[in-house]
Amino acid sequence: MAYFSPGEILETIAMVQMEHFDIRTVTMGISLKDCAHPDIKICADKIYKKIMNYARNLVSTVNEIELKFGIPIINKRISITPISIVAESCESSNYTPIAKA
């Protein structure tokens, strides 16, 4: 476990309070390559389930970290595999079901 000197703690407090120190963004990357399927509806369902499974607690977890360390975290986001890569195996060229997922 890391130990911080009183000076380091005071320096961090000063950065947060006086210099508006924050963490800009926390990003969760999710690969959707394993969601590819010829049936667009099955593909969309797999994408929805995977994102919900991995990112369900993203905001609450980041908020807990923010409170634990006392440093504001401004943005919480996910980054996914480009849909053009995931959907290239679909028999349909209409990606609307994926967009709605």
PDB file of N, CA and C in Angstrom:
ATOM      1  N   MET A   1       0.846  -1.185   0.000  1.00  0.00           N
ATOM      2  CA  MET A   1       0.000   0.000   0.000  1.00  0.00           C
ATOM      3  C   MET A   1       0.887   1.242   0.000  1.00  0.00           C
ATOM      4  N   ALA A   2       0.525   2.229  -0.789  1.00  0.00           N
ATOM      5  CA  ALA A   2       1.302   3.461  -0.887  1.00  0.00           C
ATOM      6  C   ALA A   2       1.009   4.376   0.294  1.00  0.00           C
ATOM      7  N   TYR A   3       2.058   4.987   0.791  1.00  0.00           N
ATOM      8  CA  TYR A   3       1.906   5.961   1.871  1.00  0.00           C
ATOM      9  C   TYR A   3       2.302   7.328   1.342  1.00  0.00           C
ATOM     10  N   PHE A   4       1.533   8.319   1.709  1.00  0.00           N
ATOM     11  CA  PHE A   4       1.773   9.667   1.229  1.00  0.00           C
ATOM     12  C   PHE A   4       2.173  10.558   2.392  1.00  0.00           C
ATOM     13  N   SER A   5       3.097  11.456   2.125  1.00  0.00           N
ATOM     14  CA  SER A   5       3.524  12.393   3.166  1.00  0.00           C
ATOM     15  C   SER A   5       2.451  13.457   3.350  1.00  0.00           C
ATOM     16  N   PRO A   6       2.428  14.105   4.514  1.00  0.00           N
ATOM     17  CA  PRO A   6       1.451  15.190   4.715  1.00  0.00           C
ATOM     18  C   PRO A   6       1.562  16.274   3.639  1.00  0.00           C
ATOM     19  N   GLY A   7       2.770  16.547   3.180  1.00  0.00           N
ATOM     20  CA  GLY A   7       2.958  17.550   2.133  1.00  0.00           C
ATOM     21  C   GLY A   7       2.300  17.151   0.823  1.00  0.00           C
ATOM     22  N   GLU A   8       2.408  15.864   0.477  1.00  0.00           N
ATOM     23  CA  GLU A   8       1.775  15.373  -0.750  1.00  0.00           C
ATOM     24  C   GLU A   8       0.256  15.452  -0.657  1.00  0.00           C
ATOM     25  N   ILE A   9      -0.272  15.145   0.495  1.00  0.00           N
ATOM     26  CA  ILE A   9      -1.721  15.220   0.703  1.00  0.00           C
ATOM     27  C   ILE A   9      -2.198  16.661   0.582  1.00  0.00           C
ATOM     28  N   LEU A  10      -1.493  17.583   1.217  1.00  0.00           N
ATOM     29  CA  LEU A  10      -1.872  19.002   1.139  1.00  0.00           C
ATOM     30  C   LEU A  10      -1.746  19.528  -0.292  1.00  0.00           C
ATOM     31  N   GLU A  11      -0.720  19.077  -0.996  1.00  0.00           N
ATOM     32  CA  GLU A  11      -0.542  19.496  -2.391  1.00  0.00           C
ATOM     33  C   GLU A  11      -1.717  19.023  -3.254  1.00  0.00           C
ATOM     34  N   THR A  12      -2.171  17.796  -3.035  1.00  0.00           N
ATOM     35  CA  THR A  12      -3.313  17.263  -3.786  1.00  0.00           C
ATOM     36  C   THR A  12      -4.585  18.031  -3.464  1.00  0.00           C
ATOM     37  N   ILE A  13      -4.808  18.318  -2.194  1.00  0.00           N
ATOM     38  CA  ILE A  13      -5.987  19.102  -1.791  1.00  0.00           C
ATOM     39  C   ILE A  13      -5.960  20.470  -2.464  1.00  0.00           C
ATOM     40  N   ALA A  14      -4.796  21.101  -2.484  1.00  0.00           N
ATOM     41  CA  ALA A  14      -4.677  22.417  -3.123  1.00  0.00           C
ATOM     42  C   ALA A  14      -4.977  22.330  -4.617  1.00  0.00           C
ATOM     43  N   MET A  15      -4.499  21.275  -5.267  1.00  0.00           N
ATOM     44  CA  MET A  15      -4.757  21.125  -6.705  1.00  0.00           C
ATOM     45  C   MET A  15      -6.251  20.967  -6.977  1.00  0.00           C
ATOM     46  N   VAL A  16      -6.935  20.184  -6.148  1.00  0.00           N
ATOM     47  CA  VAL A  16      -8.362  19.948  -6.356  1.00  0.00           C
ATOM     48  C   VAL A  16      -9.169  21.204  -6.071  1.00  0.00           C
ATOM     49  N   GLN A  17      -8.866  21.877  -4.968  1.00  0.00           N
ATOM     50  CA  GLN A  17      -9.677  23.024  -4.551  1.00  0.00           C
ATOM     51  C   GLN A  17      -9.321  24.314  -5.277  1.00  0.00           C
ATOM     52  N   MET A  18      -8.049  24.588  -5.448  1.00  0.00           N
ATOM     53  CA  MET A  18      -7.640  25.888  -5.971  1.00  0.00           C
ATOM     54  C   MET A  18      -7.347  25.862  -7.472  1.00  0.00           C
ATOM     55  N   GLU A  19      -6.875  24.752  -7.958  1.00  0.00           N
ATOM     56  CA  GLU A  19      -6.496  24.676  -9.368  1.00  0.00           C
ATOM     57  C   GLU A  19      -7.499  23.865 -10.188  1.00  0.00           C
ATOM     58  N   HIS A  20      -8.593  23.460  -9.553  1.00  0.00           N
ATOM     59  CA  HIS A  20      -9.675  22.723 -10.214  1.00  0.00           C
ATOM     60  C   HIS A  20      -9.174  21.451 -10.900  1.00  0.00           C
ATOM     61  N   PHE A  21      -8.274  20.749 -10.211  1.00  0.00           N
ATOM     62  CA  PHE A  21      -7.755  19.474 -10.710  1.00  0.00           C
ATOM     63  C   PHE A  21      -8.887  18.462 -10.797  1.00  0.00           C
ATOM     64  N   ASP A  22      -8.947  17.739 -11.906  1.00  0.00           N
ATOM     65  CA  ASP A  22      -9.943  16.684 -12.050  1.00  0.00           C
ATOM     66  C   ASP A  22      -9.426  15.636 -13.027  1.00  0.00           C
ATOM     67  N   ILE A  23     -10.158  14.558 -13.118  1.00  0.00           N
ATOM     68  CA  ILE A  23      -9.896  13.543 -14.131  1.00  0.00           C
ATOM     69  C   ILE A  23     -10.926  13.786 -15.217  1.00  0.00           C
ATOM     70  N   ARG A  24     -10.461  14.029 -16.424  1.00  0.00           N
ATOM     71  CA  ARG A  24     -11.352  14.390 -17.525  1.00  0.00           C
ATOM     72  C   ARG A  24     -12.313  13.264 -17.875  1.00  0.00           C
ATOM     73  N   THR A  25     -11.771  12.066 -18.113  1.00  0.00           N
ATOM     74  CA  THR A  25     -12.612  10.990 -18.638  1.00  0.00           C
ATOM     75  C   THR A  25     -12.111   9.626 -18.185  1.00  0.00           C
ATOM     76  N   VAL A  26     -13.055   8.759 -17.878  1.00  0.00           N
ATOM     77  CA  VAL A  26     -12.776   7.334 -17.683  1.00  0.00           C
ATOM     78  C   VAL A  26     -13.502   6.615 -18.816  1.00  0.00           C
ATOM     79  N   THR A  27     -12.757   5.814 -19.568  1.00  0.00           N
ATOM     80  CA  THR A  27     -13.328   5.113 -20.718  1.00  0.00           C
ATOM     81  C   THR A  27     -13.209   3.607 -20.532  1.00  0.00           C
ATOM     82  N   MET A  28     -14.319   2.908 -20.726  1.00  0.00           N
ATOM     83  CA  MET A  28     -14.315   1.446 -20.725  1.00  0.00           C
ATOM     84  C   MET A  28     -14.355   0.990 -22.176  1.00  0.00           C
ATOM     85  N   GLY A  29     -13.346   0.245 -22.592  1.00  0.00           N
ATOM     86  CA  GLY A  29     -13.310  -0.288 -23.949  1.00  0.00           C
ATOM     87  C   GLY A  29     -13.939  -1.671 -23.993  1.00  0.00           C
ATOM     88  N   ILE A  30     -14.845  -1.887 -24.934  1.00  0.00           N
ATOM     89  CA  ILE A  30     -15.524  -3.175 -25.071  1.00  0.00           C
ATOM     90  C   ILE A  30     -15.388  -3.654 -26.515  1.00  0.00           C
ATOM     91  N   SER A  31     -14.786  -4.823 -26.684  1.00  0.00           N
ATOM     92  CA  SER A  31     -14.694  -5.425 -28.013  1.00  0.00           C
ATOM     93  C   SER A  31     -15.998  -6.147 -28.323  1.00  0.00           C
ATOM     94  N   LEU A  32     -16.566  -5.849 -29.471  1.00  0.00           N
ATOM     95  CA  LEU A  32     -17.815  -6.484 -29.894  1.00  0.00           C
ATOM     96  C   LEU A  32     -17.597  -7.496 -31.017  1.00  0.00           C
ATOM     97  N   LYS A  33     -16.350  -7.822 -31.305  1.00  0.00           N
ATOM     98  CA  LYS A  33     -16.067  -8.728 -32.424  1.00  0.00           C
ATOM     99  C   LYS A  33     -16.751 -10.077 -32.262  1.00  0.00           C
ATOM    100  N   ASP A  34     -16.889 -10.546 -31.030  1.00  0.00           N
ATOM    101  CA  ASP A  34     -17.526 -11.846 -30.814  1.00  0.00           C
ATOM    102  C   ASP A  34     -19.050 -11.776 -30.913  1.00  0.00           C
ATOM    103  N   CYS A  35     -19.598 -10.599 -31.184  1.00  0.00           N
ATOM    104  CA  CYS A  35     -21.050 -10.438 -31.336  1.00  0.00           C
ATOM    105  C   CYS A  35     -21.497 -10.585 -32.790  1.00  0.00           C
ATOM    106  N   ALA A  36     -20.555 -10.731 -33.704  1.00  0.00           N
ATOM    107  CA  ALA A  36     -20.899 -10.858 -35.126  1.00  0.00           C
ATOM    108  C   ALA A  36     -21.775 -12.084 -35.354  1.00  0.00           C
ATOM    109  N   HIS A  37     -22.767 -11.921 -36.225  1.00  0.00           N
ATOM    110  CA  HIS A  37     -23.688 -13.018 -36.557  1.00  0.00           C
ATOM    111  C   HIS A  37     -24.383 -12.666 -37.869  1.00  0.00           C
ATOM    112  N   PRO A  38     -24.667 -13.661 -38.721  1.00  0.00           N
ATOM    113  CA  PRO A  38     -25.358 -13.377 -39.987  1.00  0.00           C
ATOM    114  C   PRO A  38     -26.749 -12.769 -39.809  1.00  0.00           C
ATOM    115  N   ASP A  39     -27.436 -13.138 -38.739  1.00  0.00           N
ATOM    116  CA  ASP A  39     -28.779 -12.597 -38.469  1.00  0.00           C
ATOM    117  C   ASP A  39     -28.632 -11.281 -37.704  1.00  0.00           C
ATOM    118  N   ILE A  40     -29.053 -10.181 -38.310  1.00  0.00           N
ATOM    119  CA  ILE A  40     -28.871  -8.849 -37.720  1.00  0.00           C
ATOM    120  C   ILE A  40     -29.541  -8.712 -36.355  1.00  0.00           C
ATOM    121  N   LYS A  41     -30.683  -9.358 -36.163  1.00  0.00           N
ATOM    122  CA  LYS A  41     -31.384  -9.254 -34.879  1.00  0.00           C
ATOM    123  C   LYS A  41     -30.631  -9.990 -33.775  1.00  0.00           C
ATOM    124  N   ILE A  42     -30.056 -11.129 -34.104  1.00  0.00           N
ATOM    125  CA  ILE A  42     -29.243 -11.853 -33.118  1.00  0.00           C
ATOM    126  C   ILE A  42     -27.984 -11.057 -32.804  1.00  0.00           C
ATOM    127  N   CYS A  43     -27.375 -10.489 -33.831  1.00  0.00           N
ATOM    128  CA  CYS A  43     -26.186  -9.646 -33.648  1.00  0.00           C
ATOM    129  C   CYS A  43     -26.507  -8.477 -32.718  1.00  0.00           C
ATOM    130  N   ALA A  44     -27.612  -7.792 -32.973  1.00  0.00           N
ATOM    131  CA  ALA A  44     -28.022  -6.646 -32.148  1.00  0.00           C
ATOM    132  C   ALA A  44     -28.277  -7.076 -30.707  1.00  0.00           C
ATOM    133  N   ASP A  45     -28.906  -8.226 -30.524  1.00  0.00           N
ATOM    134  CA  ASP A  45     -29.190  -8.731 -29.181  1.00  0.00           C
ATOM    135  C   ASP A  45     -27.896  -9.058 -28.436  1.00  0.00           C
ATOM    136  N   LYS A  46     -26.945  -9.664 -29.131  1.00  0.00           N
ATOM    137  CA  LYS A  46     -25.657  -9.991 -28.515  1.00  0.00           C
ATOM    138  C   LYS A  46     -24.909  -8.719 -28.114  1.00  0.00           C
ATOM    139  N   ILE A  47     -24.975  -7.694 -28.966  1.00  0.00           N
ATOM    140  CA  ILE A  47     -24.323  -6.418 -28.659  1.00  0.00           C
ATOM    141  C   ILE A  47     -24.948  -5.792 -27.419  1.00  0.00           C
ATOM    142  N   TYR A  48     -26.272  -5.730 -27.384  1.00  0.00           N
ATOM    143  CA  TYR A  48     -26.976  -5.146 -26.238  1.00  0.00           C
ATOM    144  C   TYR A  48     -26.605  -5.873 -24.946  1.00  0.00           C
ATOM    145  N   LYS A  49     -26.660  -7.199 -24.979  1.00  0.00           N
ATOM    146  CA  LYS A  49     -26.368  -7.981 -23.769  1.00  0.00           C
ATOM    147  C   LYS A  49     -24.925  -7.792 -23.305  1.00  0.00           C
ATOM    148  N   LYS A  50     -23.993  -7.736 -24.245  1.00  0.00           N
ATOM    149  CA  LYS A  50     -22.592  -7.580 -23.861  1.00  0.00           C
ATOM    150  C   LYS A  50     -22.335  -6.208 -23.247  1.00  0.00           C
ATOM    151  N   ILE A  51     -22.862  -5.165 -23.875  1.00  0.00           N
ATOM    152  CA  ILE A  51     -22.665  -3.819 -23.327  1.00  0.00           C
ATOM    153  C   ILE A  51     -23.305  -3.705 -21.953  1.00  0.00           C
ATOM    154  N   MET A  52     -24.518  -4.222 -21.806  1.00  0.00           N
ATOM    155  CA  MET A  52     -25.194  -4.150 -20.504  1.00  0.00           C
ATOM    156  C   MET A  52     -24.460  -4.976 -19.447  1.00  0.00           C
ATOM    157  N   ASN A  53     -23.898  -6.094 -19.838  1.00  0.00           N
ATOM    158  CA  ASN A  53     -23.168  -6.933 -18.895  1.00  0.00           C
ATOM    159  C   ASN A  53     -21.901  -6.235 -18.387  1.00  0.00           C
ATOM    160  N   TYR A  54     -21.127  -5.668 -19.290  1.00  0.00           N
ATOM    161  CA  TYR A  54     -19.855  -5.067 -18.904  1.00  0.00           C
ATOM    162  C   TYR A  54     -19.987  -3.646 -18.358  1.00  0.00           C
ATOM    163  N   ALA A  55     -20.899  -2.858 -18.902  1.00  0.00           N
ATOM    164  CA  ALA A  55     -20.962  -1.436 -18.540  1.00  0.00           C
ATOM    165  C   ALA A  55     -22.088  -1.091 -17.576  1.00  0.00           C
ATOM    166  N   ARG A  56     -22.832  -2.069 -17.135  1.00  0.00           N
ATOM    167  CA  ARG A  56     -23.987  -1.821 -16.262  1.00  0.00           C
ATOM    168  C   ARG A  56     -23.621  -0.947 -15.043  1.00  0.00           C
ATOM    169  N   ASN A  57     -22.497  -1.209 -14.432  1.00  0.00           N
ATOM    170  CA  ASN A  57     -22.124  -0.499 -13.206  1.00  0.00           C
ATOM    171  C   ASN A  57     -21.031   0.546 -13.425  1.00  0.00           C
ATOM    172  N   LEU A  58     -20.794   0.923 -14.661  1.00  0.00           N
ATOM    173  CA  LEU A  58     -19.701   1.858 -14.946  1.00  0.00           C
ATOM    174  C   LEU A  58     -19.851   3.166 -14.184  1.00  0.00           C
ATOM    175  N   VAL A  59     -20.983   3.815 -14.305  1.00  0.00           N
ATOM    176  CA  VAL A  59     -21.172   5.130 -13.681  1.00  0.00           C
ATOM    177  C   VAL A  59     -21.094   5.024 -12.161  1.00  0.00           C
ATOM    178  N   SER A  60     -21.762   4.051 -11.578  1.00  0.00           N
ATOM    179  CA  SER A  60     -21.741   3.932 -10.114  1.00  0.00           C
ATOM    180  C   SER A  60     -20.342   3.593  -9.603  1.00  0.00           C
ATOM    181  N   THR A  61     -19.605   2.758 -10.329  1.00  0.00           N
ATOM    182  CA  THR A  61     -18.239   2.413  -9.924  1.00  0.00           C
ATOM    183  C   THR A  61     -17.321   3.624 -10.004  1.00  0.00           C
ATOM    184  N   VAL A  62     -17.425   4.383 -11.086  1.00  0.00           N
ATOM    185  CA  VAL A  62     -16.601   5.588 -11.228  1.00  0.00           C
ATOM    186  C   VAL A  62     -16.972   6.606 -10.152  1.00  0.00           C
ATOM    187  N   ASN A  63     -18.252   6.730  -9.840  1.00  0.00           N
ATOM    188  CA  ASN A  63     -18.672   7.645  -8.772  1.00  0.00           C
ATOM    189  C   ASN A  63     -18.092   7.230  -7.426  1.00  0.00           C
ATOM    190  N   GLU A  64     -18.029   5.930  -7.152  1.00  0.00           N
ATOM    191  CA  GLU A  64     -17.423   5.442  -5.905  1.00  0.00           C
ATOM    192  C   GLU A  64     -15.943   5.791  -5.848  1.00  0.00           C
ATOM    193  N   ILE A  65     -15.245   5.617  -6.962  1.00  0.00           N
ATOM    194  CA  ILE A  65     -13.822   5.955  -7.025  1.00  0.00           C
ATOM    195  C   ILE A  65     -13.629   7.449  -6.803  1.00  0.00           C
ATOM    196  N   GLU A  66     -14.495   8.238  -7.403  1.00  0.00           N
ATOM    197  CA  GLU A  66     -14.456   9.695  -7.248  1.00  0.00           C
ATOM    198  C   GLU A  66     -14.576  10.069  -5.770  1.00  0.00           C
ATOM    199  N   LEU A  67     -15.520   9.465  -5.075  1.00  0.00           N
ATOM    200  CA  LEU A  67     -15.712   9.749  -3.652  1.00  0.00           C
ATOM    201  C   LEU A  67     -14.549   9.238  -2.813  1.00  0.00           C
ATOM    202  N   LYS A  68     -14.045   8.065  -3.143  1.00  0.00           N
ATOM    203  CA  LYS A  68     -12.951   7.464  -2.370  1.00  0.00           C
ATOM    204  C   LYS A  68     -11.702   8.333  -2.399  1.00  0.00           C
ATOM    205  N   PHE A  69     -11.368   8.867  -3.570  1.00  0.00           N
ATOM    206  CA  PHE A  69     -10.142   9.635  -3.706  1.00  0.00           C
ATOM    207  C   PHE A  69     -10.355  11.144  -3.654  1.00  0.00           C
ATOM    208  N   GLY A  70     -11.612  11.573  -3.696  1.00  0.00           N
ATOM    209  CA  GLY A  70     -11.908  12.994  -3.585  1.00  0.00           C
ATOM    210  C   GLY A  70     -11.510  13.821  -4.793  1.00  0.00           C
ATOM    211  N   ILE A  71     -11.375  13.184  -5.935  1.00  0.00           N
ATOM    212  CA  ILE A  71     -11.006  13.893  -7.159  1.00  0.00           C
ATOM    213  C   ILE A  71     -12.166  13.773  -8.144  1.00  0.00           C
ATOM    214  N   PRO A  72     -12.707  14.889  -8.614  1.00  0.00           N
ATOM    215  CA  PRO A  72     -13.838  14.834  -9.548  1.00  0.00           C
ATOM    216  C   PRO A  72     -13.474  14.113 -10.849  1.00  0.00           C
ATOM    217  N   ILE A  73     -14.385  13.275 -11.324  1.00  0.00           N
ATOM    218  CA  ILE A  73     -14.238  12.611 -12.618  1.00  0.00           C
ATOM    219  C   ILE A  73     -15.381  13.133 -13.487  1.00  0.00           C
ATOM    220  N   ILE A  74     -15.042  13.843 -14.535  1.00  0.00           N
ATOM    221  CA  ILE A  74     -16.020  14.598 -15.308  1.00  0.00           C
ATOM    222  C   ILE A  74     -16.865  13.726 -16.236  1.00  0.00           C
ATOM    223  N   ASN A  75     -16.244  12.868 -17.026  1.00  0.00           N
ATOM    224  CA  ASN A  75     -16.979  12.080 -18.025  1.00  0.00           C
ATOM    225  C   ASN A  75     -16.764  10.588 -17.827  1.00  0.00           C
ATOM    226  N   LYS A  76     -17.833   9.839 -18.020  1.00  0.00           N
ATOM    227  CA  LYS A  76     -17.774   8.382 -18.003  1.00  0.00           C
ATOM    228  C   LYS A  76     -18.306   7.918 -19.349  1.00  0.00           C
ATOM    229  N   ARG A  77     -17.544   7.078 -20.062  1.00  0.00           N
ATOM    230  CA  ARG A  77     -17.990   6.675 -21.393  1.00  0.00           C
ATOM    231  C   ARG A  77     -17.523   5.267 -21.723  1.00  0.00           C
ATOM    232  N   ILE A  78     -18.106   4.724 -22.783  1.00  0.00           N
ATOM    233  CA  ILE A  78     -17.640   3.445 -23.301  1.00  0.00           C
ATOM    234  C   ILE A  78     -17.162   3.651 -24.730  1.00  0.00           C
ATOM    235  N   SER A  79     -16.242   2.805 -25.136  1.00  0.00           N
ATOM    236  CA  SER A  79     -15.738   2.801 -26.505  1.00  0.00           C
ATOM    237  C   SER A  79     -15.921   1.381 -27.024  1.00  0.00           C
ATOM    238  N   ILE A  80     -16.520   1.252 -28.193  1.00  0.00           N
ATOM    239  CA  ILE A  80     -16.800  -0.079 -28.738  1.00  0.00           C
ATOM    240  C   ILE A  80     -16.136  -0.269 -30.096  1.00  0.00           C
ATOM    241  N   THR A  81     -16.037  -1.520 -30.494  1.00  0.00           N
ATOM    242  CA  THR A  81     -15.554  -1.871 -31.828  1.00  0.00           C
ATOM    243  C   THR A  81     -16.441  -1.190 -32.874  1.00  0.00           C
ATOM    244  N   PRO A  82     -15.866  -0.631 -33.929  1.00  0.00           N
ATOM    245  CA  PRO A  82     -16.708  -0.033 -34.971  1.00  0.00           C
ATOM    246  C   PRO A  82     -17.751  -1.033 -35.480  1.00  0.00           C
ATOM    247  N   ILE A  83     -18.990  -0.577 -35.569  1.00  0.00           N
ATOM    248  CA  ILE A  83     -20.092  -1.452 -35.979  1.00  0.00           C
ATOM    249  C   ILE A  83     -19.882  -1.981 -37.398  1.00  0.00           C
ATOM    250  N   SER A  84     -19.207  -1.222 -38.238  1.00  0.00           N
ATOM    251  CA  SER A  84     -18.958  -1.705 -39.605  1.00  0.00           C
ATOM    252  C   SER A  84     -18.146  -3.001 -39.592  1.00  0.00           C
ATOM    253  N   ILE A  85     -17.299  -3.181 -38.606  1.00  0.00           N
ATOM    254  CA  ILE A  85     -16.516  -4.413 -38.487  1.00  0.00           C
ATOM    255  C   ILE A  85     -17.388  -5.547 -37.960  1.00  0.00           C
ATOM    256  N   VAL A  86     -18.183  -5.253 -36.939  1.00  0.00           N
ATOM    257  CA  VAL A  86     -19.029  -6.276 -36.316  1.00  0.00           C
ATOM    258  C   VAL A  86     -20.127  -6.731 -37.273  1.00  0.00           C
ATOM    259  N   ALA A  87     -20.716  -5.804 -37.992  1.00  0.00           N
ATOM    260  CA  ALA A  87     -21.890  -6.106 -38.823  1.00  0.00           C
ATOM    261  C   ALA A  87     -21.550  -6.566 -40.236  1.00  0.00           C
ATOM    262  N   GLU A  88     -20.267  -6.619 -40.584  1.00  0.00           N
ATOM    263  CA  GLU A  88     -19.929  -7.015 -41.954  1.00  0.00           C
ATOM    264  C   GLU A  88     -20.344  -8.456 -42.268  1.00  0.00           C
ATOM    265  N   SER A  89     -20.532  -9.276 -41.246  1.00  0.00           N
ATOM    266  CA  SER A  89     -20.965 -10.658 -41.494  1.00  0.00           C
ATOM    267  C   SER A  89     -22.487 -10.795 -41.571  1.00  0.00           C
ATOM    268  N   CYS A  90     -23.207  -9.712 -41.300  1.00  0.00           N
ATOM    269  CA  CYS A  90     -24.678  -9.751 -41.341  1.00  0.00           C
ATOM    270  C   CYS A  90     -25.170  -9.844 -42.786  1.00  0.00           C
ATOM    271  N   GLU A  91     -26.236 -10.584 -42.957  1.00  0.00           N
ATOM    272  CA  GLU A  91     -26.831 -10.719 -44.287  1.00  0.00           C
ATOM    273  C   GLU A  91     -27.589  -9.461 -44.692  1.00  0.00           C
ATOM    274  N   SER A  92     -27.999  -8.666 -43.725  1.00  0.00           N
ATOM    275  CA  SER A  92     -28.743  -7.432 -43.990  1.00  0.00           C
ATOM    276  C   SER A  92     -27.770  -6.257 -44.089  1.00  0.00           C
ATOM    277  N   SER A  93     -28.089  -5.304 -44.938  1.00  0.00           N
ATOM    278  CA  SER A  93     -27.282  -4.084 -45.019  1.00  0.00           C
ATOM    279  C   SER A  93     -27.938  -2.942 -44.244  1.00  0.00           C
ATOM    280  N   ASN A  94     -29.099  -3.203 -43.662  1.00  0.00           N
ATOM    281  CA  ASN A  94     -29.803  -2.216 -42.840  1.00  0.00           C
ATOM    282  C   ASN A  94     -29.404  -2.451 -41.385  1.00  0.00           C
ATOM    283  N   TYR A  95     -28.592  -1.546 -40.843  1.00  0.00           N
ATOM    284  CA  TYR A  95     -28.060  -1.710 -39.489  1.00  0.00           C
ATOM    285  C   TYR A  95     -28.939  -1.074 -38.417  1.00  0.00           C
ATOM    286  N   THR A  96     -30.155  -0.716 -38.756  1.00  0.00           N
ATOM    287  CA  THR A  96     -31.068  -0.076 -37.800  1.00  0.00           C
ATOM    288  C   THR A  96     -31.263  -0.893 -36.524  1.00  0.00           C
ATOM    289  N   PRO A  97     -31.454  -2.224 -36.588  1.00  0.00           N
ATOM    290  CA  PRO A  97     -31.616  -2.979 -35.338  1.00  0.00           C
ATOM    291  C   PRO A  97     -30.407  -2.848 -34.398  1.00  0.00           C
ATOM    292  N   ILE A  98     -29.222  -2.740 -34.979  1.00  0.00           N
ATOM    293  CA  ILE A  98     -28.023  -2.565 -34.147  1.00  0.00           C
ATOM    294  C   ILE A  98     -28.025  -1.178 -33.525  1.00  0.00           C
ATOM    295  N   ALA A  99     -28.397  -0.172 -34.296  1.00  0.00           N
ATOM    296  CA  ALA A  99     -28.452   1.195 -33.767  1.00  0.00           C
ATOM    297  C   ALA A  99     -29.451   1.300 -32.622  1.00  0.00           C
ATOM    298  N   LYS A 100     -30.560   0.589 -32.726  1.00  0.00           N
ATOM    299  CA  LYS A 100     -31.580   0.621 -31.675  1.00  0.00           C
ATOM    300  C   LYS A 100     -31.159  -0.155 -30.434  1.00  0.00           C
ATOM    301  N   ALA A 101     -30.267  -1.127 -30.605  1.00  0.00           N
ATOM    302  CA  ALA A 101     -29.807  -1.935 -29.472  1.00  0.00           C
ATOM    303  C   ALA A 101     -29.010  -1.061 -28.531  1.00  0.00           C
TER     304      ALA A 101
END
